[in-house]
Amino acid sequence: MALAIRTDPMRFVALLSLIWIGCSSTEQPTPVDAAGGVLDAGAPAVTLDAAAQDAAQIEPADAGSPADASSPQDAQLIADAGMDCMSMAPGYAKQICLKPWIQDLTRRDGAADALCAAEDLLESGQVSDCHLLAHFVGEVVFEQNDRDPARSLVACPATCLSGCGHQVMQELVEVRDLNTVFREQGSDAVDQELRALVGVCRAYEGDNFDRFILCVHGIGHGLLSSGFLSPLEAAQLCDEELGLEGISCAAGVFMEHTSRYLRLEEDQLLETLPTICALGGSDWEDLCWRNVGEALMWFYGHQLEAATAACNRLSGEDPIKACSEGAEVEAGVAEMQQGTCP
């Protein structure tokens, strides 16, 4: 396949910046109907290796530097979130631990207050990134709005780089259950479902391009998390349907793919690392390795030195370079999540 998107470093950084800047927009969308372009899918998903399959059953590693959260203004947040979680270092494992707390807070006080609490944890140093916490909020918002994507997107503040909106679109793809549709109704029915999904995003393309980028990124997450497509198939679908803007969708695909490995213990993660983006020489490997760098930053609590040291364990100059650059981009992104709440 000849890709329309080839990611040299500067172009990738520019497009990734567009994704994050778009995701940080405070403008909220208006309700839309689903309609849109034609997609083609239906191939079976590729099975991950055994380590990735085990990741869902393995408790995540506690990685990162010790947290400092002794200031009086943080005391109530610490008590509410639970000392077991709050005593953990600010890595990926801690945010997984905080999922029940942030979701309960969303149900009790609403998405805006929950996301501002997540941002408070970020600003106090309790977590090094609040985007994943915002994804957890999106799960609840989607439930509360009867799985209606337009209403859910309106209900999602842009706090923590619009992770809430990303998750809404991911949830939407998952509830379509494309595997069952394909098995029971065939590929034409799948095409129709996918038209509706992309149509939700296309409604924003002309008037709210930032929201369009947010929306297609979430679809990328969902195309993979639904289990219907392999990473390569999902990325190809993004490319064929969306062209240049499809990189945001494909970035969602590979963010979802690489984050699956973050529940592994550190030694297992490092052992598996060289295989994560072994995609048979595909042009998508570069984007995948950049998302590995981003994922390592989450795992290590945004300690750039630890993430780049892990990148340096890879074989080959190109994977090491892409992974390291992805980590460096993520180091700048983390700062963009602060200062959005009153």
C-alpha atoms as a PDB file:
ATOM      1  CA  MET A   1       0.000   0.000   0.000  1.00  0.00           C
ATOM      2  CA  ALA A   2       1.306   3.464  -0.871  1.00  0.00           C
ATOM      3  CA  LEU A   3       0.373   5.752   1.980  1.00  0.00           C
ATOM      4  CA  ALA A   4      -0.805   9.283   1.400  1.00  0.00           C
ATOM      5  CA  ILE A   5       0.718  10.162   4.778  1.00  0.00           C
ATOM      6  CA  ARG A   6       4.443   9.778   5.406  1.00  0.00           C
ATOM      7  CA  THR A   7       5.652  11.224   8.675  1.00  0.00           C
ATOM      8  CA  ASP A   8       8.989  13.015   8.561  1.00  0.00           C
ATOM      9  CA  PRO A   9       9.856  14.484  11.990  1.00  0.00           C
ATOM     10  CA  MET A  10       8.924  18.121  11.400  1.00  0.00           C
ATOM     11  CA  ARG A  11       5.678  17.267   9.660  1.00  0.00           C
ATOM     12  CA  PHE A  12       4.752  14.870  12.432  1.00  0.00           C
ATOM     13  CA  VAL A  13       5.418  17.453  15.130  1.00  0.00           C
ATOM     14  CA  ALA A  14       3.338  20.029  13.263  1.00  0.00           C
ATOM     15  CA  LEU A  15       0.432  17.652  12.792  1.00  0.00           C
ATOM     16  CA  LEU A  16       0.641  16.363  16.339  1.00  0.00           C
ATOM     17  CA  SER A  17       0.612  19.946  17.572  1.00  0.00           C
ATOM     18  CA  LEU A  18      -2.550  20.483  15.525  1.00  0.00           C
ATOM     19  CA  ILE A  19      -4.099  17.447  17.190  1.00  0.00           C
ATOM     20  CA  TRP A  20      -3.315  18.672  20.706  1.00  0.00           C
ATOM     21  CA  ILE A  21      -4.143  22.313  20.043  1.00  0.00           C
ATOM     22  CA  GLY A  22      -7.417  21.222  18.505  1.00  0.00           C
ATOM     23  CA  CYS A  23      -8.102  19.000  21.476  1.00  0.00           C
ATOM     24  CA  SER A  24      -7.498  21.889  23.839  1.00  0.00           C
ATOM     25  CA  SER A  25     -10.137  24.109  22.270  1.00  0.00           C
ATOM     26  CA  THR A  26     -12.779  25.293  24.729  1.00  0.00           C
ATOM     27  CA  GLU A  27     -15.474  25.659  22.104  1.00  0.00           C
ATOM     28  CA  GLN A  28     -18.227  23.051  22.462  1.00  0.00           C
ATOM     29  CA  PRO A  29     -19.918  21.356  19.488  1.00  0.00           C
ATOM     30  CA  THR A  30     -23.566  21.488  18.543  1.00  0.00           C
ATOM     31  CA  PRO A  31     -25.682  18.318  18.118  1.00  0.00           C
ATOM     32  CA  VAL A  32     -25.439  16.679  14.707  1.00  0.00           C
ATOM     33  CA  ASP A  33     -26.879  13.809  12.735  1.00  0.00           C
ATOM     34  CA  ALA A  34     -24.633  10.963  11.556  1.00  0.00           C
ATOM     35  CA  ALA A  35     -23.921  10.819   7.820  1.00  0.00           C
ATOM     36  CA  GLY A  36     -20.801  10.740   5.778  1.00  0.00           C
ATOM     37  CA  GLY A  37     -18.263   9.106   3.515  1.00  0.00           C
ATOM     38  CA  VAL A  38     -17.732   5.529   2.410  1.00  0.00           C
ATOM     39  CA  LEU A  39     -15.300   3.234   4.165  1.00  0.00           C
ATOM     40  CA  ASP A  40     -14.401  -0.383   3.571  1.00  0.00           C
ATOM     41  CA  ALA A  41     -13.528  -2.821   6.338  1.00  0.00           C
ATOM     42  CA  GLY A  42     -14.057  -6.362   7.446  1.00  0.00           C
ATOM     43  CA  ALA A  43     -10.692  -8.097   7.714  1.00  0.00           C
ATOM     44  CA  PRO A  44     -10.019  -9.984  10.934  1.00  0.00           C
ATOM     45  CA  ALA A  45      -7.892  -8.337  13.566  1.00  0.00           C
ATOM     46  CA  VAL A  46      -4.303  -9.424  14.139  1.00  0.00           C
ATOM     47  CA  THR A  47      -3.678 -11.064  17.503  1.00  0.00           C
ATOM     48  CA  LEU A  48      -1.219  -9.332  19.823  1.00  0.00           C
ATOM     49  CA  ASP A  49       1.645 -11.287  21.278  1.00  0.00           C
ATOM     50  CA  ALA A  50       1.220 -13.141  24.561  1.00  0.00           C
ATOM     51  CA  ALA A  51       2.656 -10.346  26.693  1.00  0.00           C
ATOM     52  CA  ALA A  52       0.147  -7.818  25.381  1.00  0.00           C
ATOM     53  CA  GLN A  53      -2.719 -10.294  25.777  1.00  0.00           C
ATOM     54  CA  ASP A  54      -1.726 -10.748  29.408  1.00  0.00           C
ATOM     55  CA  ALA A  55      -1.544  -7.007  30.008  1.00  0.00           C
ATOM     56  CA  ALA A  56      -5.201  -6.666  30.950  1.00  0.00           C
ATOM     57  CA  GLN A  57      -4.741  -9.231  33.718  1.00  0.00           C
ATOM     58  CA  ILE A  58      -1.464  -7.831  35.073  1.00  0.00           C
ATOM     59  CA  GLU A  59      -1.406  -5.109  37.676  1.00  0.00           C
ATOM     60  CA  PRO A  60       0.444  -2.092  36.264  1.00  0.00           C
ATOM     61  CA  ALA A  61       3.883  -1.263  37.522  1.00  0.00           C
ATOM     62  CA  ASP A  62       4.414   1.648  39.886  1.00  0.00           C
ATOM     63  CA  ALA A  63       6.931   3.814  38.071  1.00  0.00           C
ATOM     64  CA  GLY A  64       8.208   7.334  38.433  1.00  0.00           C
ATOM     65  CA  SER A  65       9.574   9.632  41.103  1.00  0.00           C
ATOM     66  CA  PRO A  66       7.979  10.010  44.545  1.00  0.00           C
ATOM     67  CA  ALA A  67       5.079  12.429  44.661  1.00  0.00           C
ATOM     68  CA  ASP A  68       4.956  15.507  46.855  1.00  0.00           C
ATOM     69  CA  ALA A  69       1.389  16.283  47.821  1.00  0.00           C
ATOM     70  CA  SER A  70       1.507  17.736  51.299  1.00  0.00           C
ATOM     71  CA  SER A  71       0.066  21.184  50.629  1.00  0.00           C
ATOM     72  CA  PRO A  72      -3.175  22.002  52.507  1.00  0.00           C
ATOM     73  CA  GLN A  73      -5.179  22.669  49.347  1.00  0.00           C
ATOM     74  CA  ASP A  74      -4.494  19.115  48.195  1.00  0.00           C
ATOM     75  CA  ALA A  75      -5.563  17.426  51.423  1.00  0.00           C
ATOM     76  CA  GLN A  76      -9.215  16.918  50.451  1.00  0.00           C
ATOM     77  CA  LEU A  77      -8.308  15.583  47.020  1.00  0.00           C
ATOM     78  CA  ILE A  78      -5.948  13.085  48.624  1.00  0.00           C
ATOM     79  CA  ALA A  79      -8.575  11.954  51.116  1.00  0.00           C
ATOM     80  CA  ASP A  80     -11.242  11.607  48.449  1.00  0.00           C
ATOM     81  CA  ALA A  81      -9.039   9.708  46.013  1.00  0.00           C
ATOM     82  CA  GLY A  82      -7.773   7.287  48.643  1.00  0.00           C
ATOM     83  CA  MET A  83      -4.371   6.998  50.216  1.00  0.00           C
ATOM     84  CA  ASP A  84      -3.593   3.717  48.443  1.00  0.00           C
ATOM     85  CA  CYS A  85      -3.615   5.513  45.094  1.00  0.00           C
ATOM     86  CA  MET A  86      -2.243   8.808  46.289  1.00  0.00           C
ATOM     87  CA  SER A  87       0.813   7.195  47.850  1.00  0.00           C
ATOM     88  CA  MET A  88       1.849   5.868  44.435  1.00  0.00           C
ATOM     89  CA  ALA A  89       4.382   7.644  42.242  1.00  0.00           C
ATOM     90  CA  PRO A  90       2.876   9.700  39.367  1.00  0.00           C
ATOM     91  CA  GLY A  91       3.045   7.155  36.564  1.00  0.00           C
ATOM     92  CA  TYR A  92       0.502   5.312  34.425  1.00  0.00           C
ATOM     93  CA  ALA A  93      -0.271   2.829  37.200  1.00  0.00           C
ATOM     94  CA  LYS A  94      -1.451   5.599  39.497  1.00  0.00           C
ATOM     95  CA  GLN A  95      -3.981   6.885  36.966  1.00  0.00           C
ATOM     96  CA  ILE A  96      -5.378   3.371  36.542  1.00  0.00           C
ATOM     97  CA  CYS A  97      -5.730   3.215  40.315  1.00  0.00           C
ATOM     98  CA  LEU A  98      -7.565   6.559  40.309  1.00  0.00           C
ATOM     99  CA  LYS A  99     -10.164   5.459  37.731  1.00  0.00           C
ATOM    100  CA  PRO A 100     -12.938   4.529  40.220  1.00  0.00           C
ATOM    101  CA  TRP A 101     -12.411   7.798  42.086  1.00  0.00           C
ATOM    102  CA  ILE A 102     -12.581  10.058  39.021  1.00  0.00           C
ATOM    103  CA  GLN A 103     -15.615   8.201  37.666  1.00  0.00           C
ATOM    104  CA  ASP A 104     -17.465   8.387  40.988  1.00  0.00           C
ATOM    105  CA  LEU A 105     -16.664  12.092  41.132  1.00  0.00           C
ATOM    106  CA  THR A 106     -18.048  12.527  37.615  1.00  0.00           C
ATOM    107  CA  ARG A 107     -21.312  10.829  38.555  1.00  0.00           C
ATOM    108  CA  ARG A 108     -21.619  12.876  41.723  1.00  0.00           C
ATOM    109  CA  ASP A 109     -20.460  16.341  40.664  1.00  0.00           C
ATOM    110  CA  GLY A 110     -20.410  16.310  36.861  1.00  0.00           C
ATOM    111  CA  ALA A 111     -17.718  16.154  34.215  1.00  0.00           C
ATOM    112  CA  ALA A 112     -16.470  19.739  34.592  1.00  0.00           C
ATOM    113  CA  ASP A 113     -15.767  19.441  38.327  1.00  0.00           C
ATOM    114  CA  ALA A 114     -14.205  16.006  37.917  1.00  0.00           C
ATOM    115  CA  LEU A 115     -11.866  17.220  35.189  1.00  0.00           C
ATOM    116  CA  CYS A 116     -10.857  20.257  37.221  1.00  0.00           C
ATOM    117  CA  ALA A 117     -10.061  17.909  40.109  1.00  0.00           C
ATOM    118  CA  ALA A 118      -7.884  15.920  37.701  1.00  0.00           C
ATOM    119  CA  GLU A 119      -6.145  19.116  36.621  1.00  0.00           C
ATOM    120  CA  ASP A 120      -5.600  20.009  40.281  1.00  0.00           C
ATOM    121  CA  LEU A 121      -3.839  16.680  40.777  1.00  0.00           C
ATOM    122  CA  LEU A 122      -1.630  17.493  37.800  1.00  0.00           C
ATOM    123  CA  GLU A 123      -0.771  20.961  39.036  1.00  0.00           C
ATOM    124  CA  SER A 124       0.029  19.654  42.543  1.00  0.00           C
ATOM    125  CA  GLY A 125       2.364  17.005  41.145  1.00  0.00           C
ATOM    126  CA  GLN A 126       0.215  14.051  42.142  1.00  0.00           C
ATOM    127  CA  VAL A 127      -0.026  12.956  38.494  1.00  0.00           C
ATOM    128  CA  SER A 128       2.181  13.930  35.582  1.00  0.00           C
ATOM    129  CA  ASP A 129      -0.623  13.916  32.989  1.00  0.00           C
ATOM    130  CA  CYS A 130      -4.416  14.092  33.313  1.00  0.00           C
ATOM    131  CA  HIS A 131      -5.419  13.088  29.786  1.00  0.00           C
ATOM    132  CA  LEU A 132      -6.024   9.456  30.731  1.00  0.00           C
ATOM    133  CA  LEU A 133      -8.169  10.531  33.685  1.00  0.00           C
ATOM    134  CA  ALA A 134     -10.213  12.569  31.220  1.00  0.00           C
ATOM    135  CA  HIS A 135     -10.746   9.423  29.132  1.00  0.00           C
ATOM    136  CA  PHE A 136     -12.235   7.775  32.225  1.00  0.00           C
ATOM    137  CA  VAL A 137     -14.584  10.740  32.628  1.00  0.00           C
ATOM    138  CA  GLY A 138     -15.676  10.287  29.010  1.00  0.00           C
ATOM    139  CA  GLU A 139     -16.863   6.739  29.740  1.00  0.00           C
ATOM    140  CA  VAL A 140     -19.279   8.083  32.353  1.00  0.00           C
ATOM    141  CA  VAL A 141     -20.417  11.017  30.208  1.00  0.00           C
ATOM    142  CA  PHE A 142     -21.284   8.638  27.368  1.00  0.00           C
ATOM    143  CA  GLU A 143     -23.373   6.518  29.750  1.00  0.00           C
ATOM    144  CA  GLN A 144     -25.105   9.549  31.250  1.00  0.00           C
ATOM    145  CA  ASN A 145     -26.121  10.843  27.823  1.00  0.00           C
ATOM    146  CA  ASP A 146     -27.694   7.583  26.658  1.00  0.00           C
ATOM    147  CA  ARG A 147     -24.776   6.826  24.323  1.00  0.00           C
ATOM    148  CA  ASP A 148     -25.637   9.790  22.134  1.00  0.00           C
ATOM    149  CA  PRO A 149     -22.361  11.103  20.651  1.00  0.00           C
ATOM    150  CA  ALA A 150     -23.455  14.673  19.959  1.00  0.00           C
ATOM    151  CA  ARG A 151     -24.926  15.192  23.433  1.00  0.00           C
ATOM    152  CA  SER A 152     -21.908  13.520  25.000  1.00  0.00           C
ATOM    153  CA  LEU A 153     -19.415  15.697  23.127  1.00  0.00           C
ATOM    154  CA  VAL A 154     -21.311  18.798  24.230  1.00  0.00           C
ATOM    155  CA  ALA A 155     -21.118  17.544  27.826  1.00  0.00           C
ATOM    156  CA  CYS A 156     -17.334  17.036  27.644  1.00  0.00           C
ATOM    157  CA  PRO A 157     -15.216  20.038  28.657  1.00  0.00           C
ATOM    158  CA  ALA A 158     -11.889  20.378  26.868  1.00  0.00           C
ATOM    159  CA  THR A 159      -9.929  20.119  30.133  1.00  0.00           C
ATOM    160  CA  CYS A 160      -6.926  17.739  30.064  1.00  0.00           C
ATOM    161  CA  LEU A 161      -6.628  18.009  26.287  1.00  0.00           C
ATOM    162  CA  SER A 162     -10.122  16.756  25.517  1.00  0.00           C
ATOM    163  CA  GLY A 163      -9.590  13.192  26.702  1.00  0.00           C
ATOM    164  CA  CYS A 164     -13.276  13.088  27.593  1.00  0.00           C
ATOM    165  CA  GLY A 165     -14.291  13.737  23.973  1.00  0.00           C
ATOM    166  CA  HIS A 166     -11.754  11.212  22.694  1.00  0.00           C
ATOM    167  CA  GLN A 167     -13.298   8.547  24.907  1.00  0.00           C
ATOM    168  CA  VAL A 168     -16.817   9.411  23.792  1.00  0.00           C
ATOM    169  CA  MET A 169     -15.922   8.618  20.200  1.00  0.00           C
ATOM    170  CA  GLN A 170     -14.041   5.508  21.254  1.00  0.00           C
ATOM    171  CA  GLU A 171     -17.095   4.324  23.163  1.00  0.00           C
ATOM    172  CA  LEU A 172     -19.291   5.057  20.148  1.00  0.00           C
ATOM    173  CA  VAL A 173     -17.205   2.807  17.905  1.00  0.00           C
ATOM    174  CA  GLU A 174     -17.182   0.064  20.507  1.00  0.00           C
ATOM    175  CA  VAL A 175     -20.958   0.012  21.024  1.00  0.00           C
ATOM    176  CA  ARG A 176     -21.475  -0.382  17.278  1.00  0.00           C
ATOM    177  CA  ASP A 177     -19.976  -3.881  17.777  1.00  0.00           C
ATOM    178  CA  LEU A 178     -18.585  -4.113  14.261  1.00  0.00           C
ATOM    179  CA  ASN A 179     -17.501  -7.720  14.772  1.00  0.00           C
ATOM    180  CA  THR A 180     -21.106  -8.805  15.291  1.00  0.00           C
ATOM    181  CA  VAL A 181     -22.356  -6.616  12.439  1.00  0.00           C
ATOM    182  CA  PHE A 182     -19.812  -8.193  10.077  1.00  0.00           C
ATOM    183  CA  ARG A 183     -20.569 -11.725  11.235  1.00  0.00           C
ATOM    184  CA  GLU A 184     -24.351 -11.374  11.058  1.00  0.00           C
ATOM    185  CA  GLN A 185     -24.912  -8.878   8.228  1.00  0.00           C
ATOM    186  CA  GLY A 186     -21.744  -8.754   6.143  1.00  0.00           C
ATOM    187  CA  SER A 187     -19.331  -6.093   4.954  1.00  0.00           C
ATOM    188  CA  ASP A 188     -21.960  -3.815   3.401  1.00  0.00           C
ATOM    189  CA  ALA A 189     -23.582  -3.363   6.796  1.00  0.00           C
ATOM    190  CA  VAL A 190     -20.180  -2.620   8.301  1.00  0.00           C
ATOM    191  CA  ASP A 191     -19.580   0.034   5.646  1.00  0.00           C
ATOM    192  CA  GLN A 192     -22.878   1.659   6.577  1.00  0.00           C
ATOM    193  CA  GLU A 193     -21.963   1.693  10.261  1.00  0.00           C
ATOM    194  CA  LEU A 194     -18.589   3.230   9.510  1.00  0.00           C
ATOM    195  CA  ARG A 195     -20.172   5.920   7.326  1.00  0.00           C
ATOM    196  CA  ALA A 196     -22.256   6.939  10.308  1.00  0.00           C
ATOM    197  CA  LEU A 197     -19.222   7.081  12.585  1.00  0.00           C
ATOM    198  CA  VAL A 198     -17.178   9.259  10.265  1.00  0.00           C
ATOM    199  CA  GLY A 199     -20.268  11.358   9.577  1.00  0.00           C
ATOM    200  CA  VAL A 200     -20.394  12.373  13.231  1.00  0.00           C
ATOM    201  CA  CYS A 201     -16.975  13.941  12.700  1.00  0.00           C
ATOM    202  CA  ARG A 202     -17.535  15.340   9.201  1.00  0.00           C
ATOM    203  CA  ALA A 203     -20.356  17.486  10.529  1.00  0.00           C
ATOM    204  CA  TYR A 204     -17.643  19.579  12.251  1.00  0.00           C
ATOM    205  CA  GLU A 205     -15.136  19.631   9.391  1.00  0.00           C
ATOM    206  CA  GLY A 206     -16.159  22.941   7.869  1.00  0.00           C
ATOM    207  CA  ASP A 207     -17.159  25.017  10.896  1.00  0.00           C
ATOM    208  CA  ASN A 208     -15.108  23.527  13.738  1.00  0.00           C
ATOM    209  CA  PHE A 209     -11.947  21.892  12.445  1.00  0.00           C
ATOM    210  CA  ASP A 210     -10.538  21.531  15.956  1.00  0.00           C
ATOM    211  CA  ARG A 211     -13.537  19.453  16.947  1.00  0.00           C
ATOM    212  CA  PHE A 212     -13.215  17.447  13.745  1.00  0.00           C
ATOM    213  CA  ILE A 213      -9.617  16.517  14.650  1.00  0.00           C
ATOM    214  CA  LEU A 214     -10.683  15.560  18.175  1.00  0.00           C
ATOM    215  CA  CYS A 215     -13.494  13.441  16.808  1.00  0.00           C
ATOM    216  CA  VAL A 216     -11.492  11.455  14.258  1.00  0.00           C
ATOM    217  CA  HIS A 217      -8.747  10.862  16.811  1.00  0.00           C
ATOM    218  CA  GLY A 218     -11.305   9.210  19.081  1.00  0.00           C
ATOM    219  CA  ILE A 219     -12.540   7.064  16.200  1.00  0.00           C
ATOM    220  CA  GLY A 220      -8.965   5.882  15.723  1.00  0.00           C
ATOM    221  CA  HIS A 221      -8.922   4.726  19.342  1.00  0.00           C
ATOM    222  CA  GLY A 222     -12.213   2.921  18.855  1.00  0.00           C
ATOM    223  CA  LEU A 223     -11.305   1.211  15.596  1.00  0.00           C
ATOM    224  CA  LEU A 224      -8.600  -0.627  17.489  1.00  0.00           C
ATOM    225  CA  SER A 225     -10.189  -1.046  20.921  1.00  0.00           C
ATOM    226  CA  SER A 226     -13.301  -2.574  19.346  1.00  0.00           C
ATOM    227  CA  GLY A 227     -11.160  -5.501  18.189  1.00  0.00           C
ATOM    228  CA  PHE A 228     -12.492  -5.392  14.650  1.00  0.00           C
ATOM    229  CA  LEU A 229      -9.317  -4.281  12.887  1.00  0.00           C
ATOM    230  CA  SER A 230      -5.595  -4.767  13.359  1.00  0.00           C
ATOM    231  CA  PRO A 231      -3.451  -1.641  13.881  1.00  0.00           C
ATOM    232  CA  LEU A 232      -2.363  -1.645  10.245  1.00  0.00           C
ATOM    233  CA  GLU A 233      -5.911  -2.111   8.940  1.00  0.00           C
ATOM    234  CA  ALA A 234      -7.259   0.620  11.183  1.00  0.00           C
ATOM    235  CA  ALA A 235      -4.512   3.063  10.199  1.00  0.00           C
ATOM    236  CA  GLN A 236      -5.082   2.298   6.517  1.00  0.00           C
ATOM    237  CA  LEU A 237      -8.781   2.998   6.972  1.00  0.00           C
ATOM    238  CA  CYS A 238      -7.961   6.376   8.535  1.00  0.00           C
ATOM    239  CA  ASP A 239      -5.667   7.200   5.617  1.00  0.00           C
ATOM    240  CA  GLU A 240      -8.061   6.146   2.879  1.00  0.00           C
ATOM    241  CA  GLU A 241     -11.061   7.958   4.287  1.00  0.00           C
ATOM    242  CA  LEU A 242      -9.501  11.120   5.679  1.00  0.00           C
ATOM    243  CA  GLY A 243      -6.320  11.770   3.709  1.00  0.00           C
ATOM    244  CA  LEU A 244      -3.880  14.134   5.438  1.00  0.00           C
ATOM    245  CA  GLU A 245      -6.177  14.681   8.433  1.00  0.00           C
ATOM    246  CA  GLY A 246      -6.254  10.909   8.829  1.00  0.00           C
ATOM    247  CA  ILE A 247      -3.001  11.136  10.760  1.00  0.00           C
ATOM    248  CA  SER A 248      -5.026  12.236  13.792  1.00  0.00           C
ATOM    249  CA  CYS A 249      -7.184   9.143  13.413  1.00  0.00           C
ATOM    250  CA  ALA A 250      -4.107   6.938  12.924  1.00  0.00           C
ATOM    251  CA  ALA A 251      -2.460   8.538  15.947  1.00  0.00           C
ATOM    252  CA  GLY A 252      -5.498   7.411  17.944  1.00  0.00           C
ATOM    253  CA  VAL A 253      -5.040   3.897  16.553  1.00  0.00           C
ATOM    254  CA  PHE A 254      -1.426   3.660  17.608  1.00  0.00           C
ATOM    255  CA  MET A 255      -1.980   5.430  20.924  1.00  0.00           C
ATOM    256  CA  GLU A 256      -4.533   2.752  21.728  1.00  0.00           C
ATOM    257  CA  HIS A 257      -2.203   0.012  20.463  1.00  0.00           C
ATOM    258  CA  THR A 258       0.847   1.105  22.440  1.00  0.00           C
ATOM    259  CA  SER A 259      -1.064   1.886  25.647  1.00  0.00           C
ATOM    260  CA  ARG A 260      -2.114  -1.760  25.872  1.00  0.00           C
ATOM    261  CA  TYR A 261       1.412  -2.615  26.953  1.00  0.00           C
ATOM    262  CA  LEU A 262       1.503  -0.149  29.837  1.00  0.00           C
ATOM    263  CA  ARG A 263      -0.183  -2.515  32.281  1.00  0.00           C
ATOM    264  CA  LEU A 264       2.805  -4.834  32.093  1.00  0.00           C
ATOM    265  CA  GLU A 265       5.427  -4.851  34.810  1.00  0.00           C
ATOM    266  CA  GLU A 266       8.477  -2.844  33.825  1.00  0.00           C
ATOM    267  CA  ASP A 267      10.673  -5.839  33.053  1.00  0.00           C
ATOM    268  CA  GLN A 268       7.957  -7.352  30.843  1.00  0.00           C
ATOM    269  CA  LEU A 269       7.385  -4.033  29.081  1.00  0.00           C
ATOM    270  CA  LEU A 270      11.068  -3.605  28.302  1.00  0.00           C
ATOM    271  CA  GLU A 271      11.355  -7.195  27.097  1.00  0.00           C
ATOM    272  CA  THR A 272       8.345  -6.780  24.797  1.00  0.00           C
ATOM    273  CA  LEU A 273       9.277  -3.266  23.641  1.00  0.00           C
ATOM    274  CA  PRO A 274      11.103  -4.208  20.398  1.00  0.00           C
ATOM    275  CA  THR A 275       8.052  -6.102  19.105  1.00  0.00           C
ATOM    276  CA  ILE A 276       5.358  -3.470  19.687  1.00  0.00           C
ATOM    277  CA  CYS A 277       5.747  -1.800  16.307  1.00  0.00           C
ATOM    278  CA  ALA A 278       7.161  -4.691  14.317  1.00  0.00           C
ATOM    279  CA  LEU A 279       4.660  -4.206  11.499  1.00  0.00           C
ATOM    280  CA  GLY A 280       6.433  -5.969   8.654  1.00  0.00           C
ATOM    281  CA  GLY A 281       8.242  -2.890   7.359  1.00  0.00           C
ATOM    282  CA  SER A 282       5.039  -0.863   6.968  1.00  0.00           C
ATOM    283  CA  ASP A 283       5.302   2.896   6.516  1.00  0.00           C
ATOM    284  CA  TRP A 284       3.171   3.169   9.653  1.00  0.00           C
ATOM    285  CA  GLU A 285       6.003   1.892  11.849  1.00  0.00           C
ATOM    286  CA  ASP A 286       7.383   5.416  12.294  1.00  0.00           C
ATOM    287  CA  LEU A 287       4.117   6.753  13.719  1.00  0.00           C
ATOM    288  CA  CYS A 288       3.787   3.659  15.883  1.00  0.00           C
ATOM    289  CA  TRP A 289       7.274   4.089  17.382  1.00  0.00           C
ATOM    290  CA  ARG A 290       6.520   7.742  18.110  1.00  0.00           C
ATOM    291  CA  ASN A 291       3.484   6.620  20.080  1.00  0.00           C
ATOM    292  CA  VAL A 292       5.721   4.160  21.934  1.00  0.00           C
ATOM    293  CA  GLY A 293       7.778   7.160  23.064  1.00  0.00           C
ATOM    294  CA  GLU A 294       4.624   8.898  24.230  1.00  0.00           C
ATOM    295  CA  ALA A 295       3.444   5.776  26.049  1.00  0.00           C
ATOM    296  CA  LEU A 296       6.784   5.407  27.814  1.00  0.00           C
ATOM    297  CA  MET A 297       6.415   8.958  29.084  1.00  0.00           C
ATOM    298  CA  TRP A 298       3.079   8.002  30.636  1.00  0.00           C
ATOM    299  CA  PHE A 299       4.566   4.856  32.124  1.00  0.00           C
ATOM    300  CA  TYR A 300       7.491   6.667  33.708  1.00  0.00           C
ATOM    301  CA  GLY A 301       5.516   9.634  35.020  1.00  0.00           C
ATOM    302  CA  HIS A 302       6.828  11.947  32.284  1.00  0.00           C
ATOM    303  CA  GLN A 303      10.462  11.439  33.218  1.00  0.00           C
ATOM    304  CA  LEU A 304      12.060  12.090  29.844  1.00  0.00           C
ATOM    305  CA  GLU A 305      15.393  10.536  30.777  1.00  0.00           C
ATOM    306  CA  ALA A 306      13.756   7.226  31.748  1.00  0.00           C
ATOM    307  CA  ALA A 307      11.596   7.181  28.609  1.00  0.00           C
ATOM    308  CA  THR A 308      14.490   7.890  26.246  1.00  0.00           C
ATOM    309  CA  ALA A 309      16.636   5.292  28.001  1.00  0.00           C
ATOM    310  CA  ALA A 310      13.929   2.745  27.204  1.00  0.00           C
ATOM    311  CA  CYS A 311      13.790   3.973  23.594  1.00  0.00           C
ATOM    312  CA  ASN A 312      17.529   3.378  23.340  1.00  0.00           C
ATOM    313  CA  ARG A 313      16.959  -0.319  24.001  1.00  0.00           C
ATOM    314  CA  LEU A 314      15.361  -0.656  20.574  1.00  0.00           C
ATOM    315  CA  SER A 315      17.212  -2.031  17.595  1.00  0.00           C
ATOM    316  CA  GLY A 316      17.858   0.248  14.643  1.00  0.00           C
ATOM    317  CA  GLU A 317      18.440   3.962  14.284  1.00  0.00           C
ATOM    318  CA  ASP A 318      14.980   4.784  12.914  1.00  0.00           C
ATOM    319  CA  PRO A 319      12.918   3.194  15.736  1.00  0.00           C
ATOM    320  CA  ILE A 320      15.166   4.757  18.391  1.00  0.00           C
ATOM    321  CA  LYS A 321      14.894   8.187  16.746  1.00  0.00           C
ATOM    322  CA  ALA A 322      11.109   8.018  16.327  1.00  0.00           C
ATOM    323  CA  CYS A 323      10.569   6.751  19.881  1.00  0.00           C
ATOM    324  CA  SER A 324      12.820   9.446  21.367  1.00  0.00           C
ATOM    325  CA  GLU A 325      11.151  12.201  19.348  1.00  0.00           C
ATOM    326  CA  GLY A 326       7.722  10.965  20.441  1.00  0.00           C
ATOM    327  CA  ALA A 327       8.830  11.164  24.065  1.00  0.00           C
ATOM    328  CA  GLU A 328      10.189  14.681  23.556  1.00  0.00           C
ATOM    329  CA  VAL A 329       6.937  15.862  21.973  1.00  0.00           C
ATOM    330  CA  GLU A 330       4.977  14.422  24.893  1.00  0.00           C
ATOM    331  CA  ALA A 331       7.222  16.285  27.337  1.00  0.00           C
ATOM    332  CA  GLY A 332       5.919  19.550  25.879  1.00  0.00           C
ATOM    333  CA  VAL A 333       2.324  18.371  25.638  1.00  0.00           C
ATOM    334  CA  ALA A 334       2.081  17.743  29.378  1.00  0.00           C
ATOM    335  CA  GLU A 335       2.458  21.464  30.111  1.00  0.00           C
ATOM    336  CA  MET A 336      -0.505  22.264  27.867  1.00  0.00           C
ATOM    337  CA  GLN A 337      -2.881  20.496  30.265  1.00  0.00           C
ATOM    338  CA  GLN A 338      -2.510  23.042  33.049  1.00  0.00           C
ATOM    339  CA  GLY A 339      -4.307  26.291  33.761  1.00  0.00           C
ATOM    340  CA  THR A 340      -7.651  25.663  32.024  1.00  0.00           C
ATOM    341  CA  CYS A 341      -9.821  25.579  35.160  1.00  0.00           C
ATOM    342  CA  PRO A 342     -10.737  28.603  37.283  1.00  0.00           C
END
